[in-house]
C-alpha atoms as a PDB file:
ATOM      1  CA  MET A   1     191.278 169.953 -51.477  1.00  0.00           C
ATOM      2  CA  ALA A   2     190.326 173.446 -52.623  1.00  0.00           C
ATOM      3  CA  ALA A   3     189.571 173.958 -56.282  1.00  0.00           C
ATOM      4  CA  GLN A   4     192.306 175.575 -58.346  1.00  0.00           C
ATOM      5  CA  PRO A   5     191.722 179.348 -58.481  1.00  0.00           C
ATOM      6  CA  HIS A   6     191.223 181.101 -61.783  1.00  0.00           C
ATOM      7  CA  LEU A   7     191.954 184.580 -63.056  1.00  0.00           C
ATOM      8  CA  PHE A   8     189.318 186.456 -65.050  1.00  0.00           C
ATOM      9  CA  ALA A   9     190.012 189.515 -67.188  1.00  0.00           C
ATOM     10  CA  GLY A  10     187.320 191.848 -68.494  1.00  0.00           C
ATOM     11  CA  VAL A  11     188.378 193.411 -71.798  1.00  0.00           C
ATOM     12  CA  ALA A  12     186.690 196.301 -73.599  1.00  0.00           C
ATOM     13  CA  GLY A  13     187.413 198.848 -76.314  1.00  0.00           C
ATOM     14  CA  TYR A  14     190.577 200.714 -77.086  1.00  0.00           C
ATOM     15  CA  PHE A  15     191.110 203.961 -75.191  1.00  0.00           C
ATOM     16  CA  GLY A  16     192.406 206.914 -77.150  1.00  0.00           C
ATOM     17  CA  ARG A  17     193.574 204.844 -80.122  1.00  0.00           C
ATOM     18  CA  PRO A  18     191.998 204.752 -83.576  1.00  0.00           C
ATOM     19  CA  ASP A  19     192.213 200.995 -84.266  1.00  0.00           C
ATOM     20  CA  PRO A  20     188.765 199.513 -83.481  1.00  0.00           C
ATOM     21  CA  ASP A  21     189.789 195.900 -84.055  1.00  0.00           C
ATOM     22  CA  GLY A  22     190.847 193.451 -81.380  1.00  0.00           C
ATOM     23  CA  LEU A  23     189.653 190.823 -78.941  1.00  0.00           C
ATOM     24  CA  CYS A  24     187.242 191.738 -76.168  1.00  0.00           C
ATOM     25  CA  GLY A  25     184.935 190.068 -73.636  1.00  0.00           C
ATOM     26  CA  VAL A  26     186.075 187.805 -70.787  1.00  0.00           C
ATOM     27  CA  PHE A  27     189.261 185.721 -70.566  1.00  0.00           C
ATOM     28  CA  ARG A  28     189.873 182.922 -68.040  1.00  0.00           C
ATOM     29  CA  ARG A  29     193.141 181.335 -66.903  1.00  0.00           C
ATOM     30  CA  ALA A  30     193.996 178.883 -64.140  1.00  0.00           C
ATOM     31  CA  VAL A  31     196.480 180.295 -61.644  1.00  0.00           C
ATOM     32  CA  GLY A  32     199.705 178.521 -62.530  1.00  0.00           C
ATOM     33  CA  GLY A  33     198.346 177.676 -65.978  1.00  0.00           C
ATOM     34  CA  GLU A  34     199.928 178.562 -69.289  1.00  0.00           C
ATOM     35  CA  THR A  35     197.078 179.848 -71.445  1.00  0.00           C
ATOM     36  CA  TRP A  36     194.043 182.103 -71.357  1.00  0.00           C
ATOM     37  CA  GLU A  37     190.658 180.847 -72.563  1.00  0.00           C
ATOM     38  CA  HIS A  38     188.428 183.339 -74.374  1.00  0.00           C
ATOM     39  CA  VAL A  39     185.224 182.329 -72.560  1.00  0.00           C
ATOM     40  CA  LEU A  40     183.015 185.281 -73.564  1.00  0.00           C
ATOM     41  CA  GLN A  41     183.882 186.713 -76.956  1.00  0.00           C
ATOM     42  CA  GLN A  42     181.119 189.307 -77.206  1.00  0.00           C
ATOM     43  CA  PRO A  43     180.129 191.840 -76.024  1.00  0.00           C
ATOM     44  CA  GLU A  44     182.812 194.029 -74.473  1.00  0.00           C
ATOM     45  CA  ALA A  45     183.285 193.493 -70.709  1.00  0.00           C
ATOM     46  CA  PHE A  46     183.947 196.355 -68.304  1.00  0.00           C
ATOM     47  CA  THR A  47     183.965 194.409 -65.038  1.00  0.00           C
ATOM     48  CA  VAL A  48     184.260 190.818 -63.848  1.00  0.00           C
ATOM     49  CA  ASN A  49     183.014 189.740 -60.431  1.00  0.00           C
ATOM     50  CA  ILE A  50     183.214 186.410 -58.591  1.00  0.00           C
ATOM     51  CA  SER A  51     180.569 185.599 -56.014  1.00  0.00           C
ATOM     52  CA  PRO A  52     182.130 185.820 -52.538  1.00  0.00           C
ATOM     53  CA  ARG A  53     180.012 182.854 -51.475  1.00  0.00           C
ATOM     54  CA  ASP A  54     180.451 180.542 -54.484  1.00  0.00           C
ATOM     55  CA  PRO A  55     183.462 180.786 -56.844  1.00  0.00           C
ATOM     56  CA  ASN A  56     181.525 178.843 -59.470  1.00  0.00           C
ATOM     57  CA  VAL A  57     179.300 181.895 -59.986  1.00  0.00           C
ATOM     58  CA  VAL A  58     180.993 184.600 -62.034  1.00  0.00           C
ATOM     59  CA  PHE A  59     179.439 187.808 -63.365  1.00  0.00           C
ATOM     60  CA  ALA A  60     180.481 189.948 -66.312  1.00  0.00           C
ATOM     61  CA  GLY A  61     179.335 193.539 -66.675  1.00  0.00           C
ATOM     62  CA  THR A  62     179.203 194.156 -70.396  1.00  0.00           C
ATOM     63  CA  ALA A  63     178.144 196.599 -73.092  1.00  0.00           C
ATOM     64  CA  ASP A  64     174.799 194.765 -73.105  1.00  0.00           C
ATOM     65  CA  GLY A  65     173.883 194.219 -69.480  1.00  0.00           C
ATOM     66  CA  VAL A  66     174.821 191.388 -67.123  1.00  0.00           C
ATOM     67  CA  TYR A  67     176.195 187.992 -68.169  1.00  0.00           C
ATOM     68  CA  ARG A  68     176.536 185.139 -65.663  1.00  0.00           C
ATOM     69  CA  SER A  69     178.402 181.845 -65.368  1.00  0.00           C
ATOM     70  CA  THR A  70     177.467 179.058 -62.956  1.00  0.00           C
ATOM     71  CA  ASN A  71     180.279 176.683 -63.928  1.00  0.00           C
ATOM     72  CA  GLY A  72     183.333 178.583 -62.796  1.00  0.00           C
ATOM     73  CA  GLY A  73     183.519 180.815 -65.825  1.00  0.00           C
ATOM     74  CA  LYS A  74     183.675 178.076 -68.464  1.00  0.00           C
ATOM     75  CA  THR A  75     180.621 179.526 -70.206  1.00  0.00           C
ATOM     76  CA  PHE A  76     178.491 182.656 -69.806  1.00  0.00           C
ATOM     77  CA  GLN A  77     174.872 183.455 -70.622  1.00  0.00           C
ATOM     78  CA  ARG A  78     173.043 186.770 -70.626  1.00  0.00           C
ATOM     79  CA  THR A  79     170.832 187.067 -67.567  1.00  0.00           C
ATOM     80  CA  ASP A  80     167.224 188.187 -67.473  1.00  0.00           C
ATOM     81  CA  PHE A  81     168.288 191.831 -67.701  1.00  0.00           C
ATOM     82  CA  PRO A  82     165.521 194.320 -68.529  1.00  0.00           C
ATOM     83  CA  ASP A  83     167.324 196.756 -70.850  1.00  0.00           C
ATOM     84  CA  LYS A  84     169.337 196.313 -74.037  1.00  0.00           C
ATOM     85  CA  GLY A  85     172.576 198.128 -74.729  1.00  0.00           C
ATOM     86  CA  VAL A  86     173.175 199.310 -71.138  1.00  0.00           C
ATOM     87  CA  GLN A  87     176.821 199.207 -70.079  1.00  0.00           C
ATOM     88  CA  ILE A  88     177.443 197.606 -66.667  1.00  0.00           C
ATOM     89  CA  TRP A  89     180.577 198.788 -64.886  1.00  0.00           C
ATOM     90  CA  SER A  90     180.233 197.520 -61.301  1.00  0.00           C
ATOM     91  CA  PHE A  91     178.666 194.932 -58.991  1.00  0.00           C
ATOM     92  CA  LEU A  92     177.970 194.880 -55.268  1.00  0.00           C
ATOM     93  CA  HIS A  93     176.889 191.862 -53.227  1.00  0.00           C
ATOM     94  CA  ASP A  94     174.674 192.560 -50.221  1.00  0.00           C
ATOM     95  CA  PRO A  95     176.751 191.631 -47.149  1.00  0.00           C
ATOM     96  CA  THR A  96     173.667 190.410 -45.246  1.00  0.00           C
ATOM     97  CA  ASP A  97     171.543 188.684 -47.899  1.00  0.00           C
ATOM     98  CA  PRO A  98     173.253 186.254 -50.327  1.00  0.00           C
ATOM     99  CA  GLN A  99     170.404 186.555 -52.829  1.00  0.00           C
ATOM    100  CA  VAL A 100     170.673 190.319 -53.252  1.00  0.00           C
ATOM    101  CA  MET A 101     173.147 192.234 -55.407  1.00  0.00           C
ATOM    102  CA  LEU A 102     173.359 195.510 -57.297  1.00  0.00           C
ATOM    103  CA  ALA A 103     174.805 196.438 -60.677  1.00  0.00           C
ATOM    104  CA  GLY A 104     175.931 199.930 -61.658  1.00  0.00           C
ATOM    105  CA  GLY A 105     175.411 201.139 -65.196  1.00  0.00           C
ATOM    106  CA  SER A 106     176.120 203.789 -67.795  1.00  0.00           C
ATOM    107  CA  PRO A 107     174.310 206.126 -68.242  1.00  0.00           C
ATOM    108  CA  VAL A 108     174.129 206.313 -64.432  1.00  0.00           C
ATOM    109  CA  SER A 109     171.687 203.648 -63.317  1.00  0.00           C
ATOM    110  CA  ILE A 110     171.306 201.036 -60.593  1.00  0.00           C
ATOM    111  CA  TYR A 111     169.906 197.526 -61.109  1.00  0.00           C
ATOM    112  CA  ARG A 112     168.928 195.087 -58.354  1.00  0.00           C
ATOM    113  CA  SER A 113     168.747 191.305 -58.305  1.00  0.00           C
ATOM    114  CA  GLU A 114     167.042 189.314 -55.552  1.00  0.00           C
ATOM    115  CA  ASP A 115     167.818 185.845 -56.951  1.00  0.00           C
ATOM    116  CA  SER A 116     171.630 185.762 -57.003  1.00  0.00           C
ATOM    117  CA  GLY A 117     171.876 187.550 -60.329  1.00  0.00           C
ATOM    118  CA  GLU A 118     169.509 185.450 -62.439  1.00  0.00           C
ATOM    119  CA  SER A 119     167.133 188.362 -63.049  1.00  0.00           C
ATOM    120  CA  TRP A 120     167.333 192.120 -62.591  1.00  0.00           C
ATOM    121  CA  LYS A 121     165.104 195.150 -62.210  1.00  0.00           C
ATOM    122  CA  ARG A 122     165.968 198.790 -62.713  1.00  0.00           C
ATOM    123  CA  MET A 123     165.898 200.950 -59.604  1.00  0.00           C
ATOM    124  CA  PRO A 124     164.722 204.596 -59.523  1.00  0.00           C
ATOM    125  CA  ASP A 125     166.964 207.100 -61.279  1.00  0.00           C
ATOM    126  CA  PRO A 126     169.570 208.490 -58.818  1.00  0.00           C
ATOM    127  CA  ALA A 127     168.735 211.957 -60.227  1.00  0.00           C
ATOM    128  CA  LEU A 128     172.086 213.594 -59.500  1.00  0.00           C
ATOM    129  CA  PRO A 129     173.204 216.968 -60.847  1.00  0.00           C
ATOM    130  CA  ASP A 130     175.429 216.805 -63.931  1.00  0.00           C
ATOM    131  CA  ARG A 131     178.661 218.395 -62.773  1.00  0.00           C
ATOM    132  CA  ALA A 132     180.773 217.819 -65.895  1.00  0.00           C
ATOM    133  CA  VAL A 133     179.932 217.508 -69.592  1.00  0.00           C
ATOM    134  CA  MET A 134     181.963 214.622 -70.995  1.00  0.00           C
ATOM    135  CA  PRO A 135     182.112 212.928 -74.434  1.00  0.00           C
ATOM    136  CA  PHE A 136     180.729 209.735 -72.860  1.00  0.00           C
ATOM    137  CA  ALA A 137     177.855 208.954 -70.503  1.00  0.00           C
ATOM    138  CA  CYS A 138     178.624 208.997 -66.774  1.00  0.00           C
ATOM    139  CA  ARG A 139     179.310 205.567 -65.217  1.00  0.00           C
ATOM    140  CA  VAL A 140     178.788 203.920 -61.833  1.00  0.00           C
ATOM    141  CA  MET A 141     182.360 202.675 -61.604  1.00  0.00           C
ATOM    142  CA  ARG A 142     182.390 201.057 -58.152  1.00  0.00           C
ATOM    143  CA  MET A 143     180.101 200.568 -55.142  1.00  0.00           C
ATOM    144  CA  ALA A 144     180.966 199.820 -51.516  1.00  0.00           C
ATOM    145  CA  SER A 145     178.768 198.898 -48.559  1.00  0.00           C
ATOM    146  CA  SER A 146     179.193 200.671 -45.249  1.00  0.00           C
ATOM    147  CA  THR A 147     180.603 198.481 -42.497  1.00  0.00           C
ATOM    148  CA  ARG A 148     178.675 200.397 -39.831  1.00  0.00           C
ATOM    149  CA  GLN A 149     175.138 200.778 -41.151  1.00  0.00           C
ATOM    150  CA  ALA A 150     173.008 198.272 -43.066  1.00  0.00           C
ATOM    151  CA  GLY A 151     171.718 199.595 -46.376  1.00  0.00           C
ATOM    152  CA  GLU A 152     174.315 202.365 -46.620  1.00  0.00           C
ATOM    153  CA  ILE A 153     176.164 202.301 -49.948  1.00  0.00           C
ATOM    154  CA  PHE A 154     178.700 204.614 -51.564  1.00  0.00           C
ATOM    155  CA  ALA A 155     179.372 204.787 -55.315  1.00  0.00           C
ATOM    156  CA  ALA A 156     182.199 206.331 -57.343  1.00  0.00           C
ATOM    157  CA  LEU A 157     181.120 207.972 -60.591  1.00  0.00           C
ATOM    158  CA  GLU A 158     183.132 208.637 -63.748  1.00  0.00           C
ATOM    159  CA  VAL A 159     182.859 211.587 -64.177  1.00  0.00           C
ATOM    160  CA  ASN A 160     180.556 212.931 -61.433  1.00  0.00           C
ATOM    161  CA  GLY A 161     182.157 212.365 -58.038  1.00  0.00           C
ATOM    162  CA  VAL A 162     180.506 210.260 -55.335  1.00  0.00           C
ATOM    163  CA  MET A 163     176.946 209.407 -54.358  1.00  0.00           C
ATOM    164  CA  ARG A 164     175.477 207.746 -51.239  1.00  0.00           C
ATOM    165  CA  SER A 165     172.394 205.665 -50.496  1.00  0.00           C
ATOM    166  CA  THR A 166     170.991 204.823 -47.059  1.00  0.00           C
ATOM    167  CA  ASP A 167     168.204 202.533 -48.282  1.00  0.00           C
ATOM    168  CA  GLY A 168     170.039 199.851 -50.231  1.00  0.00           C
ATOM    169  CA  GLY A 169     170.071 201.737 -53.526  1.00  0.00           C
ATOM    170  CA  GLU A 170     166.455 202.918 -53.686  1.00  0.00           C
ATOM    171  CA  SER A 171     167.526 206.575 -53.544  1.00  0.00           C
ATOM    172  CA  TRP A 172     170.801 208.483 -53.680  1.00  0.00           C
ATOM    173  CA  LYS A 173     172.360 211.706 -52.449  1.00  0.00           C
ATOM    174  CA  ASP A 174     175.179 213.632 -54.087  1.00  0.00           C
ATOM    175  CA  CYS A 175     178.386 213.623 -51.992  1.00  0.00           C
ATOM    176  CA  SER A 176     180.618 215.692 -54.258  1.00  0.00           C
ATOM    177  CA  GLU A 177     180.528 219.156 -52.704  1.00  0.00           C
ATOM    178  CA  GLY A 178     183.644 218.443 -50.668  1.00  0.00           C
ATOM    179  CA  LEU A 179     185.475 217.224 -53.747  1.00  0.00           C
ATOM    180  CA  LEU A 180     184.547 220.466 -55.523  1.00  0.00           C
ATOM    181  CA  THR A 181     185.904 222.442 -52.581  1.00  0.00           C
ATOM    182  CA  LEU A 182     189.238 220.650 -52.938  1.00  0.00           C
ATOM    183  CA  ALA A 183     189.163 221.294 -56.695  1.00  0.00           C
ATOM    184  CA  LYS A 184     189.588 225.001 -55.988  1.00  0.00           C
ATOM    185  CA  LYS A 185     193.224 224.259 -55.154  1.00  0.00           C
ATOM    186  CA  PRO A 186     195.358 224.746 -58.305  1.00  0.00           C
ATOM    187  CA  HIS A 187     197.233 221.442 -57.930  1.00  0.00           C
ATOM    188  CA  LEU A 188     193.942 219.518 -57.821  1.00  0.00           C
ATOM    189  CA  GLN A 189     192.513 221.040 -60.992  1.00  0.00           C
ATOM    190  CA  SER A 190     192.413 219.086 -64.247  1.00  0.00           C
ATOM    191  CA  GLN A 191     190.453 219.691 -67.444  1.00  0.00           C
ATOM    192  CA  ILE A 192     191.031 217.399 -70.435  1.00  0.00           C
ATOM    193  CA  VAL A 193     187.777 216.804 -72.306  1.00  0.00           C
ATOM    194  CA  SER A 194     185.034 218.419 -70.205  1.00  0.00           C
ATOM    195  CA  ASN A 195     183.680 221.917 -69.614  1.00  0.00           C
ATOM    196  CA  THR A 196     185.174 222.302 -66.118  1.00  0.00           C
ATOM    197  CA  ARG A 197     188.516 222.300 -64.297  1.00  0.00           C
ATOM    198  CA  ASN A 198     186.764 220.272 -61.595  1.00  0.00           C
ATOM    199  CA  GLU A 199     186.952 217.307 -63.962  1.00  0.00           C
ATOM    200  CA  GLY A 200     189.901 215.599 -62.265  1.00  0.00           C
ATOM    201  CA  MET A 201     188.343 215.595 -58.798  1.00  0.00           C
ATOM    202  CA  LEU A 202     185.055 214.254 -60.189  1.00  0.00           C
ATOM    203  CA  ASP A 203     186.780 211.489 -62.151  1.00  0.00           C
ATOM    204  CA  GLY A 204     185.883 208.669 -59.749  1.00  0.00           C
ATOM    205  CA  HIS A 205     187.242 205.186 -60.440  1.00  0.00           C
ATOM    206  CA  ALA A 206     186.997 203.142 -57.239  1.00  0.00           C
ATOM    207  CA  ILE A 207     185.707 203.428 -53.688  1.00  0.00           C
ATOM    208  CA  CYS A 208     186.089 201.387 -50.511  1.00  0.00           C
ATOM    209  CA  THR A 209     185.072 201.114 -46.876  1.00  0.00           C
ATOM    210  CA  THR A 210     186.671 199.101 -44.094  1.00  0.00           C
ATOM    211  CA  SER A 211     185.705 197.939 -40.625  1.00  0.00           C
ATOM    212  CA  ALA A 212     189.094 199.197 -39.415  1.00  0.00           C
ATOM    213  CA  ASP A 213     187.843 202.761 -40.016  1.00  0.00           C
ATOM    214  CA  PRO A 214     184.047 202.336 -40.065  1.00  0.00           C
ATOM    215  CA  ASP A 215     183.101 206.009 -40.247  1.00  0.00           C
ATOM    216  CA  ALA A 216     185.274 206.673 -43.300  1.00  0.00           C
ATOM    217  CA  VAL A 217     185.044 206.130 -47.047  1.00  0.00           C
ATOM    218  CA  ILE A 218     187.983 206.354 -49.474  1.00  0.00           C
ATOM    219  CA  VAL A 219     187.698 207.218 -53.162  1.00  0.00           C
ATOM    220  CA  ALA A 220     190.283 206.901 -55.931  1.00  0.00           C
ATOM    221  CA  VAL A 221     190.057 209.679 -58.527  1.00  0.00           C
ATOM    222  CA  ARG A 222     192.302 211.108 -61.203  1.00  0.00           C
ATOM    223  CA  MET A 223     193.957 213.457 -58.720  1.00  0.00           C
ATOM    224  CA  GLY A 224     194.787 210.808 -56.092  1.00  0.00           C
ATOM    225  CA  LEU A 225     193.171 209.194 -53.050  1.00  0.00           C
ATOM    226  CA  PHE A 226     190.714 211.076 -50.849  1.00  0.00           C
ATOM    227  CA  ARG A 227     189.048 210.177 -47.546  1.00  0.00           C
ATOM    228  CA  SER A 228     185.781 211.308 -46.066  1.00  0.00           C
ATOM    229  CA  PRO A 229     185.428 210.980 -42.262  1.00  0.00           C
ATOM    230  CA  ASN A 230     181.710 211.757 -42.315  1.00  0.00           C
ATOM    231  CA  GLU A 231     179.794 209.785 -44.958  1.00  0.00           C
ATOM    232  CA  GLY A 232     180.855 211.994 -47.848  1.00  0.00           C
ATOM    233  CA  ASN A 233     179.923 215.359 -46.345  1.00  0.00           C
ATOM    234  CA  SER A 234     183.542 216.515 -46.580  1.00  0.00           C
ATOM    235  CA  TRP A 235     186.740 215.094 -48.057  1.00  0.00           C
ATOM    236  CA  ASP A 236     190.420 215.203 -47.137  1.00  0.00           C
ATOM    237  CA  ASP A 237     193.411 214.685 -49.419  1.00  0.00           C
ATOM    238  CA  MET A 238     195.302 211.556 -48.294  1.00  0.00           C
ATOM    239  CA  GLU A 239     198.359 213.059 -50.040  1.00  0.00           C
ATOM    240  CA  VAL A 240     199.482 209.794 -51.549  1.00  0.00           C
ATOM    241  CA  GLY A 241     202.057 211.800 -53.497  1.00  0.00           C
ATOM    242  CA  ARG A 242     204.194 211.762 -50.333  1.00  0.00           C
ATOM    243  CA  PHE A 243     204.833 208.083 -51.021  1.00  0.00           C
ATOM    244  CA  SER A 244     204.405 207.663 -54.785  1.00  0.00           C
ATOM    245  CA  PRO A 245     205.749 209.670 -57.752  1.00  0.00           C
ATOM    246  CA  VAL A 246     202.501 208.890 -59.622  1.00  0.00           C
ATOM    247  CA  THR A 247     199.071 209.663 -58.185  1.00  0.00           C
ATOM    248  CA  TYR A 248     196.397 208.836 -60.786  1.00  0.00           C
ATOM    249  CA  GLY A 249     194.104 206.595 -58.714  1.00  0.00           C
ATOM    250  CA  ARG A 250     192.466 203.825 -60.707  1.00  0.00           C
ATOM    251  CA  ASP A 251     191.706 201.131 -58.135  1.00  0.00           C
ATOM    252  CA  ILE A 252     191.633 200.719 -54.373  1.00  0.00           C
ATOM    253  CA  ARG A 253     190.878 197.479 -52.513  1.00  0.00           C
ATOM    254  CA  VAL A 254     190.628 196.352 -48.895  1.00  0.00           C
ATOM    255  CA  SER A 255     192.265 193.052 -48.010  1.00  0.00           C
ATOM    256  CA  PRO A 256     189.582 190.417 -47.321  1.00  0.00           C
ATOM    257  CA  GLN A 257     191.796 189.042 -44.550  1.00  0.00           C
ATOM    258  CA  ASP A 258     192.957 192.259 -42.843  1.00  0.00           C
ATOM    259  CA  PRO A 259     190.735 195.375 -42.755  1.00  0.00           C
ATOM    260  CA  ARG A 260     193.753 197.584 -42.042  1.00  0.00           C
ATOM    261  CA  THR A 261     195.472 196.611 -45.290  1.00  0.00           C
ATOM    262  CA  LEU A 262     194.650 198.524 -48.483  1.00  0.00           C
ATOM    263  CA  TYR A 263     195.976 198.170 -52.031  1.00  0.00           C
ATOM    264  CA  ALA A 264     195.956 201.078 -54.496  1.00  0.00           C
ATOM    265  CA  ALA A 265     196.717 201.126 -58.218  1.00  0.00           C
ATOM    266  CA  LEU A 266     198.534 204.377 -59.005  1.00  0.00           C
ATOM    267  CA  SER A 267     199.641 205.492 -62.461  1.00  0.00           C
ATOM    268  CA  VAL A 268     200.424 208.580 -64.526  1.00  0.00           C
ATOM    269  CA  ALA A 269     197.142 209.016 -66.380  1.00  0.00           C
ATOM    270  CA  ALA A 270     194.268 207.088 -67.956  1.00  0.00           C
ATOM    271  CA  SER A 271     196.435 206.181 -70.924  1.00  0.00           C
ATOM    272  CA  SER A 272     200.071 205.959 -69.842  1.00  0.00           C
ATOM    273  CA  LYS A 273     203.099 203.670 -69.920  1.00  0.00           C
ATOM    274  CA  ASP A 274     203.842 203.393 -66.215  1.00  0.00           C
ATOM    275  CA  GLY A 275     202.278 202.645 -62.855  1.00  0.00           C
ATOM    276  CA  ALA A 276     202.736 200.809 -59.579  1.00  0.00           C
ATOM    277  CA  LEU A 277     200.805 198.929 -56.920  1.00  0.00           C
ATOM    278  CA  TYR A 278     201.022 200.399 -53.422  1.00  0.00           C
ATOM    279  CA  ARG A 279     200.040 198.819 -50.106  1.00  0.00           C
ATOM    280  CA  SER A 280     199.103 200.395 -46.796  1.00  0.00           C
ATOM    281  CA  THR A 281     198.978 198.383 -43.568  1.00  0.00           C
ATOM    282  CA  ASP A 282     197.647 201.282 -41.456  1.00  0.00           C
ATOM    283  CA  VAL A 283     194.369 202.102 -43.250  1.00  0.00           C
ATOM    284  CA  GLY A 284     195.965 204.549 -45.660  1.00  0.00           C
ATOM    285  CA  GLN A 285     198.112 206.649 -43.332  1.00  0.00           C
ATOM    286  CA  THR A 286     201.301 205.472 -45.054  1.00  0.00           C
ATOM    287  CA  TRP A 287     201.995 203.593 -48.280  1.00  0.00           C
ATOM    288  CA  GLN A 288     204.802 201.447 -49.670  1.00  0.00           C
ATOM    289  CA  ARG A 289     205.310 200.141 -53.169  1.00  0.00           C
ATOM    290  CA  PHE A 290     204.260 196.500 -53.211  1.00  0.00           C
ATOM    291  CA  ASP A 291     204.894 195.175 -56.712  1.00  0.00           C
ATOM    292  CA  LYS A 292     208.280 194.247 -58.152  1.00  0.00           C
ATOM    293  CA  VAL A 293     207.434 194.569 -61.836  1.00  0.00           C
ATOM    294  CA  GLN A 294     207.566 197.169 -64.605  1.00  0.00           C
ATOM    295  CA  VAL A 295     204.271 197.722 -66.377  1.00  0.00           C
ATOM    296  CA  HIS A 296     203.962 199.461 -69.734  1.00  0.00           C
ATOM    297  CA  GLY A 297     200.414 200.711 -69.291  1.00  0.00           C
ATOM    298  CA  THR A 298     198.148 202.259 -66.672  1.00  0.00           C
ATOM    299  CA  ILE A 299     197.333 199.779 -63.885  1.00  0.00           C
ATOM    300  CA  MET A 300     193.591 199.367 -64.229  1.00  0.00           C
ATOM    301  CA  SER A 301     192.642 196.722 -61.687  1.00  0.00           C
ATOM    302  CA  VAL A 302     193.826 194.909 -58.562  1.00  0.00           C
ATOM    303  CA  ALA A 303     192.566 191.389 -57.753  1.00  0.00           C
ATOM    304  CA  LEU A 304     192.716 189.953 -54.230  1.00  0.00           C
ATOM    305  CA  HIS A 305     191.960 186.327 -53.410  1.00  0.00           C
ATOM    306  CA  GLN A 306     189.042 185.934 -51.011  1.00  0.00           C
ATOM    307  CA  ASN A 307     190.758 183.244 -48.915  1.00  0.00           C
ATOM    308  CA  ASP A 308     194.493 183.611 -49.557  1.00  0.00           C
ATOM    309  CA  ALA A 309     196.100 186.885 -48.504  1.00  0.00           C
ATOM    310  CA  LYS A 310     199.333 185.997 -50.303  1.00  0.00           C
ATOM    311  CA  GLN A 311     197.714 186.068 -53.755  1.00  0.00           C
ATOM    312  CA  VAL A 312     197.629 189.565 -55.284  1.00  0.00           C
ATOM    313  CA  TRP A 313     197.290 190.282 -58.995  1.00  0.00           C
ATOM    314  CA  LEU A 314     197.281 193.409 -61.145  1.00  0.00           C
ATOM    315  CA  ALA A 315     196.286 194.202 -64.712  1.00  0.00           C
ATOM    316  CA  ALA A 316     197.764 196.978 -66.850  1.00  0.00           C
ATOM    317  CA  ARG A 317     195.719 198.522 -69.636  1.00  0.00           C
ATOM    318  CA  TYR A 318     197.340 197.026 -72.756  1.00  0.00           C
ATOM    319  CA  GLY A 319     197.259 193.349 -71.814  1.00  0.00           C
ATOM    320  CA  GLU A 320     199.817 192.871 -69.049  1.00  0.00           C
ATOM    321  CA  VAL A 321     198.882 190.769 -66.012  1.00  0.00           C
ATOM    322  CA  PHE A 322     201.243 190.168 -63.079  1.00  0.00           C
ATOM    323  CA  GLY A 323     200.723 188.365 -59.810  1.00  0.00           C
ATOM    324  CA  THR A 324     202.287 187.081 -56.623  1.00  0.00           C
ATOM    325  CA  GLU A 325     201.354 183.941 -54.719  1.00  0.00           C
ATOM    326  CA  ASP A 326     203.795 184.459 -51.859  1.00  0.00           C
ATOM    327  CA  GLY A 327     202.818 187.845 -50.480  1.00  0.00           C
ATOM    328  CA  GLY A 328     204.921 189.933 -52.833  1.00  0.00           C
ATOM    329  CA  GLU A 329     208.253 188.130 -52.598  1.00  0.00           C
ATOM    330  CA  THR A 330     208.161 186.918 -56.196  1.00  0.00           C
ATOM    331  CA  TRP A 331     206.038 187.878 -59.189  1.00  0.00           C
ATOM    332  CA  ALA A 332     204.917 186.012 -62.300  1.00  0.00           C
ATOM    333  CA  GLU A 333     203.700 187.377 -65.614  1.00  0.00           C
ATOM    334  CA  ALA A 334     200.542 186.096 -67.300  1.00  0.00           C
ATOM    335  CA  PRO A 335     200.078 188.315 -70.370  1.00  0.00           C
ATOM    336  CA  LEU A 336     196.812 188.198 -72.244  1.00  0.00           C
ATOM    337  CA  PRO A 337     196.918 187.051 -75.885  1.00  0.00           C
ATOM    338  CA  GLN A 338     198.129 189.478 -78.500  1.00  0.00           C
ATOM    339  CA  GLY A 339     195.346 191.475 -80.068  1.00  0.00           C
ATOM    340  CA  VAL A 340     193.294 192.127 -76.935  1.00  0.00           C
ATOM    341  CA  LYS A 341     191.669 195.491 -76.501  1.00  0.00           C
ATOM    342  CA  ASP A 342     192.055 197.290 -73.144  1.00  0.00           C
ATOM    343  CA  ILE A 343     191.790 195.474 -69.812  1.00  0.00           C
ATOM    344  CA  TYR A 344     189.332 197.122 -67.452  1.00  0.00           C
ATOM    345  CA  SER A 345     188.897 194.513 -64.725  1.00  0.00           C
ATOM    346  CA  LEU A 346     190.706 191.582 -63.124  1.00  0.00           C
ATOM    347  CA  ALA A 347     189.290 189.060 -60.629  1.00  0.00           C
ATOM    348  CA  ILE A 348     190.569 185.924 -58.925  1.00  0.00           C
ATOM    349  CA  GLY A 349     188.694 183.123 -57.225  1.00  0.00           C
END
């Protein structure tokens, strides 16, 4: 009998609100359970990741490096991480070597582990051009491995577009020129807190690849969803606004069971009171709304079960969590405790 799956929520600081108080860290809840456990109370957590090979191993990317659990998320300990005070926003497991994984940091940095996340070393600086001056350090928000070429990795940056590695993260190339070309169009321009109207197109939040379209990479940015057919050399607008009234792209995921099925979290803005989860079954050519709930905050994260295609969960910024266990027919609410800060990441396994 399979072990009962658990939900994990990574919670960090308030966005755009003056109150600094509140709960943060990592929360854990059994699917079908009634309560959340506050399993890591400090520091803030920006991402939670479950090992695809062992659900007992759970990682938290925090405001102070990488924390790791080996008992299904009951307890966490800080790993042998070389730097103090580095924010970790993303993880990537090597699809060919179970011992190897990467972590993406802020300021932009890449860390590598060769012992399943027990210890880490800092990789060479990606050395990308700074394309936008923001009030916070740029972040490696998400990484995705190519399905066609070993060692090829794409990363979405907030706020600096996309970068690509062909040697497993040893070196990186900027892939943002095509995004800047699109930013010349008036409807794709957005400037809120930076020094450039290119800000919206560089505001990368998530990125994915799929074996159903092996030459392509898809990135979710503030201005929507965009696809590159040629390893990031150029980008095309997927025009998700044809299917959704809101287009702020915060998350995009490929179904572990069906490479043609994608899920995208679309909302109004970084800090908003509305959003929806959309699904495509044709690799992003068309989209349909998938959820049957009303959120009251930006949808920040989508969680897909590694072995059960019918389980899909979403987290909205101010503490709302909703999920389906029957492929979208019915939905249940699992709100985080009152007093949490902002949810940044949701995982299930």
